């Protein structure tokens, strides 16, 4: 049996159901800080005459929601049928954190990214209200006036 086949079955099973877990203690969904070394060169922004600006040193304190949430089947008391439910580890709240970017002209500018600070288990089909992972605003120069 291929992993693709298993994935399709899970997608069909979880699609369209938003239920709370009958086993609330089985959920573990928390913000996890990524090692600074794993975020090196993660942010790349083209900044006009400065050229490409990159997070060469990594991002200090960058967190993403990770963990497991309960999913499975529940019994519908009205129909006496089983129904699937699917919960995923989702971001509830984020905060902007500064990132130093080194540009092709060797200037260092500050950019901001969203770091997850509050996570919870919610329906896998729910759309997140905080859409963007990155702040697309113009980076601010560090230590230099323009």
C-alpha atoms as a PDB file:
ATOM      1  CA  UNK A   1       0.000   0.000   0.000  1.00  0.00           C
ATOM      2  CA  UNK A   2       1.503   3.354  -0.978  1.00  0.00           C
ATOM      3  CA  UNK A   3       1.756   6.344   1.355  1.00  0.00           C
ATOM      4  CA  UNK A   4      -0.228   8.374  -1.211  1.00  0.00           C
ATOM      5  CA  UNK A   5      -3.184   6.008  -0.782  1.00  0.00           C
ATOM      6  CA  UNK A   6      -3.077   6.408   3.013  1.00  0.00           C
ATOM      7  CA  UNK A   7      -2.927  10.197   2.669  1.00  0.00           C
ATOM      8  CA  UNK A   8      -6.006  10.241   0.413  1.00  0.00           C
ATOM      9  CA  UNK A   9      -7.969   8.119   2.907  1.00  0.00           C
ATOM     10  CA  UNK A  10      -7.053  10.500   5.735  1.00  0.00           C
ATOM     11  CA  UNK A  11      -8.073  13.543   3.679  1.00  0.00           C
ATOM     12  CA  UNK A  12     -11.451  12.005   2.840  1.00  0.00           C
ATOM     13  CA  UNK A  13     -12.041  10.914   6.438  1.00  0.00           C
ATOM     14  CA  UNK A  14     -11.263  14.322   7.960  1.00  0.00           C
ATOM     15  CA  UNK A  15     -12.837  16.511   5.313  1.00  0.00           C
ATOM     16  CA  UNK A  16     -15.849  18.567   6.319  1.00  0.00           C
ATOM     17  CA  UNK A  17     -16.079  17.668  10.018  1.00  0.00           C
ATOM     18  CA  UNK A  18     -15.425  20.082  12.847  1.00  0.00           C
ATOM     19  CA  UNK A  19     -15.750  18.326  16.182  1.00  0.00           C
ATOM     20  CA  UNK A  20     -14.126  18.646  19.561  1.00  0.00           C
ATOM     21  CA  UNK A  21     -11.968  15.795  20.726  1.00  0.00           C
ATOM     22  CA  UNK A  22     -13.671  13.333  23.074  1.00  0.00           C
ATOM     23  CA  UNK A  23     -10.210  12.788  24.625  1.00  0.00           C
ATOM     24  CA  UNK A  24      -8.994  16.310  25.503  1.00  0.00           C
ATOM     25  CA  UNK A  25      -5.905  15.057  27.371  1.00  0.00           C
ATOM     26  CA  UNK A  26      -4.531  13.411  24.222  1.00  0.00           C
ATOM     27  CA  UNK A  27      -3.695  16.761  22.571  1.00  0.00           C
ATOM     28  CA  UNK A  28      -0.224  18.277  22.727  1.00  0.00           C
ATOM     29  CA  UNK A  29       0.144  21.363  20.560  1.00  0.00           C
ATOM     30  CA  UNK A  30       2.715  24.000  21.550  1.00  0.00           C
ATOM     31  CA  UNK A  31       4.972  26.686  20.054  1.00  0.00           C
ATOM     32  CA  UNK A  32       8.401  25.128  19.458  1.00  0.00           C
ATOM     33  CA  UNK A  33      11.481  27.291  18.950  1.00  0.00           C
ATOM     34  CA  UNK A  34      13.468  26.367  15.877  1.00  0.00           C
ATOM     35  CA  UNK A  35      17.238  26.166  16.297  1.00  0.00           C
ATOM     36  CA  UNK A  36      18.789  29.411  15.058  1.00  0.00           C
ATOM     37  CA  UNK A  37      21.021  27.395  12.720  1.00  0.00           C
ATOM     38  CA  UNK A  38      17.975  25.944  10.923  1.00  0.00           C
ATOM     39  CA  UNK A  39      16.683  29.435  10.074  1.00  0.00           C
ATOM     40  CA  UNK A  40      19.886  30.693   8.408  1.00  0.00           C
ATOM     41  CA  UNK A  41      19.184  32.094   4.935  1.00  0.00           C
ATOM     42  CA  UNK A  42      15.445  31.425   5.422  1.00  0.00           C
ATOM     43  CA  UNK A  43      14.362  35.019   4.705  1.00  0.00           C
ATOM     44  CA  UNK A  44      15.376  36.492   1.332  1.00  0.00           C
ATOM     45  CA  UNK A  45      14.086  39.858   0.198  1.00  0.00           C
ATOM     46  CA  UNK A  46      15.010  41.792  -2.933  1.00  0.00           C
ATOM     47  CA  UNK A  47      15.549  45.375  -1.804  1.00  0.00           C
ATOM     48  CA  UNK A  48      16.114  47.571  -4.865  1.00  0.00           C
ATOM     49  CA  UNK A  49      19.596  49.083  -5.059  1.00  0.00           C
ATOM     50  CA  UNK A  50      20.709  47.144  -1.958  1.00  0.00           C
ATOM     51  CA  UNK A  51      20.230  43.893  -3.857  1.00  0.00           C
ATOM     52  CA  UNK A  52      19.235  40.669  -2.130  1.00  0.00           C
ATOM     53  CA  UNK A  53      18.949  40.848   1.676  1.00  0.00           C
ATOM     54  CA  UNK A  54      19.262  37.531   3.537  1.00  0.00           C
ATOM     55  CA  UNK A  55      18.969  36.328   7.155  1.00  0.00           C
ATOM     56  CA  UNK A  56      22.542  34.984   7.090  1.00  0.00           C
ATOM     57  CA  UNK A  57      22.786  34.594  10.889  1.00  0.00           C
ATOM     58  CA  UNK A  58      19.398  32.933  11.364  1.00  0.00           C
ATOM     59  CA  UNK A  59      16.443  34.059  13.451  1.00  0.00           C
ATOM     60  CA  UNK A  60      16.642  34.174  17.240  1.00  0.00           C
ATOM     61  CA  UNK A  61      13.457  33.033  19.025  1.00  0.00           C
ATOM     62  CA  UNK A  62      11.519  31.916  15.932  1.00  0.00           C
ATOM     63  CA  UNK A  63       8.689  29.552  16.929  1.00  0.00           C
ATOM     64  CA  UNK A  64       6.203  27.434  14.994  1.00  0.00           C
ATOM     65  CA  UNK A  65       3.235  25.427  16.280  1.00  0.00           C
ATOM     66  CA  UNK A  66       4.005  21.720  16.426  1.00  0.00           C
ATOM     67  CA  UNK A  67       2.393  18.748  18.049  1.00  0.00           C
ATOM     68  CA  UNK A  68      -0.338  16.201  17.801  1.00  0.00           C
ATOM     69  CA  UNK A  69      -4.075  16.549  18.146  1.00  0.00           C
ATOM     70  CA  UNK A  70      -6.754  13.945  18.556  1.00  0.00           C
ATOM     71  CA  UNK A  71      -8.570  12.731  15.442  1.00  0.00           C
ATOM     72  CA  UNK A  72     -10.695   9.695  14.829  1.00  0.00           C
ATOM     73  CA  UNK A  73     -14.347   8.750  14.843  1.00  0.00           C
ATOM     74  CA  UNK A  74     -17.200   9.628  17.187  1.00  0.00           C
ATOM     75  CA  UNK A  75     -20.718   8.288  17.496  1.00  0.00           C
ATOM     76  CA  UNK A  76     -23.539  10.566  16.438  1.00  0.00           C
ATOM     77  CA  UNK A  77     -26.162   9.976  19.152  1.00  0.00           C
ATOM     78  CA  UNK A  78     -29.030  10.941  16.834  1.00  0.00           C
ATOM     79  CA  UNK A  79     -28.151   8.751  13.854  1.00  0.00           C
ATOM     80  CA  UNK A  80     -26.221   6.052  15.790  1.00  0.00           C
ATOM     81  CA  UNK A  81     -23.598   6.276  13.012  1.00  0.00           C
ATOM     82  CA  UNK A  82     -19.910   6.952  13.394  1.00  0.00           C
ATOM     83  CA  UNK A  83     -18.538  10.221  12.041  1.00  0.00           C
ATOM     84  CA  UNK A  84     -14.921  11.212  11.536  1.00  0.00           C
ATOM     85  CA  UNK A  85     -13.397  14.247  13.207  1.00  0.00           C
ATOM     86  CA  UNK A  86     -10.018  15.765  12.483  1.00  0.00           C
ATOM     87  CA  UNK A  87      -8.112  18.216  14.670  1.00  0.00           C
ATOM     88  CA  UNK A  88      -4.779  19.793  13.768  1.00  0.00           C
ATOM     89  CA  UNK A  89      -2.177  21.806  15.672  1.00  0.00           C
ATOM     90  CA  UNK A  90      -2.902  25.390  14.609  1.00  0.00           C
ATOM     91  CA  UNK A  91      -1.562  28.830  15.437  1.00  0.00           C
ATOM     92  CA  UNK A  92      -3.919  30.961  17.551  1.00  0.00           C
ATOM     93  CA  UNK A  93      -1.736  34.047  17.980  1.00  0.00           C
ATOM     94  CA  UNK A  94       1.589  35.290  16.673  1.00  0.00           C
ATOM     95  CA  UNK A  95       3.898  38.214  17.324  1.00  0.00           C
ATOM     96  CA  UNK A  96       6.339  40.077  15.126  1.00  0.00           C
ATOM     97  CA  UNK A  97       9.987  39.484  15.898  1.00  0.00           C
ATOM     98  CA  UNK A  98      12.922  41.351  14.337  1.00  0.00           C
ATOM     99  CA  UNK A  99      15.319  39.678  11.918  1.00  0.00           C
ATOM    100  CA  UNK A 100      18.626  41.137  10.771  1.00  0.00           C
ATOM    101  CA  UNK A 101      19.145  40.825   7.040  1.00  0.00           C
ATOM    102  CA  UNK A 102      22.524  41.307   5.376  1.00  0.00           C
ATOM    103  CA  UNK A 103      22.242  42.845   1.911  1.00  0.00           C
ATOM    104  CA  UNK A 104      24.483  42.496  -1.145  1.00  0.00           C
ATOM    105  CA  UNK A 105      25.902  45.987  -0.427  1.00  0.00           C
ATOM    106  CA  UNK A 106      26.880  44.711   3.115  1.00  0.00           C
ATOM    107  CA  UNK A 107      24.339  46.948   4.877  1.00  0.00           C
ATOM    108  CA  UNK A 108      22.294  45.287   7.612  1.00  0.00           C
ATOM    109  CA  UNK A 109      18.566  46.031   7.731  1.00  0.00           C
ATOM    110  CA  UNK A 110      15.799  44.898  10.079  1.00  0.00           C
ATOM    111  CA  UNK A 111      12.820  42.939   8.843  1.00  0.00           C
ATOM    112  CA  UNK A 112      10.016  41.364  10.903  1.00  0.00           C
ATOM    113  CA  UNK A 113       8.522  37.871  10.757  1.00  0.00           C
ATOM    114  CA  UNK A 114       5.606  36.347  12.636  1.00  0.00           C
ATOM    115  CA  UNK A 115       6.551  33.897  15.393  1.00  0.00           C
ATOM    116  CA  UNK A 116       3.852  31.650  16.864  1.00  0.00           C
ATOM    117  CA  UNK A 117       3.151  32.289  20.560  1.00  0.00           C
ATOM    118  CA  UNK A 118      -0.138  30.460  21.165  1.00  0.00           C
ATOM    119  CA  UNK A 119      -1.245  27.172  19.601  1.00  0.00           C
ATOM    120  CA  UNK A 120      -4.273  24.942  19.968  1.00  0.00           C
ATOM    121  CA  UNK A 121      -5.947  21.910  18.449  1.00  0.00           C
ATOM    122  CA  UNK A 122      -8.700  23.005  16.062  1.00  0.00           C
ATOM    123  CA  UNK A 123     -10.545  21.593  13.109  1.00  0.00           C
ATOM    124  CA  UNK A 124      -8.204  20.790  10.229  1.00  0.00           C
ATOM    125  CA  UNK A 125     -10.673  22.465   7.858  1.00  0.00           C
ATOM    126  CA  UNK A 126     -10.727  25.774   9.723  1.00  0.00           C
ATOM    127  CA  UNK A 127      -9.140  28.706   7.896  1.00  0.00           C
ATOM    128  CA  UNK A 128      -6.546  30.628   9.861  1.00  0.00           C
ATOM    129  CA  UNK A 129      -7.297  34.309  10.422  1.00  0.00           C
ATOM    130  CA  UNK A 130      -3.609  35.276  10.403  1.00  0.00           C
ATOM    131  CA  UNK A 131      -2.747  34.645   6.768  1.00  0.00           C
ATOM    132  CA  UNK A 132       0.799  35.784   6.171  1.00  0.00           C
ATOM    133  CA  UNK A 133       3.837  34.130   7.732  1.00  0.00           C
ATOM    134  CA  UNK A 134       6.078  37.032   6.705  1.00  0.00           C
ATOM    135  CA  UNK A 135       5.748  40.775   7.015  1.00  0.00           C
ATOM    136  CA  UNK A 136       5.997  42.133   3.477  1.00  0.00           C
ATOM    137  CA  UNK A 137       6.495  45.739   4.572  1.00  0.00           C
ATOM    138  CA  UNK A 138       9.623  47.633   3.617  1.00  0.00           C
ATOM    139  CA  UNK A 139      12.569  46.589   5.818  1.00  0.00           C
ATOM    140  CA  UNK A 140      13.903  49.256   8.186  1.00  0.00           C
ATOM    141  CA  UNK A 141      17.589  50.174   8.030  1.00  0.00           C
ATOM    142  CA  UNK A 142      19.669  49.440  11.129  1.00  0.00           C
ATOM    143  CA  UNK A 143      22.072  52.166  12.253  1.00  0.00           C
ATOM    144  CA  UNK A 144      21.895  54.219   9.039  1.00  0.00           C
ATOM    145  CA  UNK A 145      19.691  57.095   7.990  1.00  0.00           C
ATOM    146  CA  UNK A 146      18.396  57.263   4.414  1.00  0.00           C
END
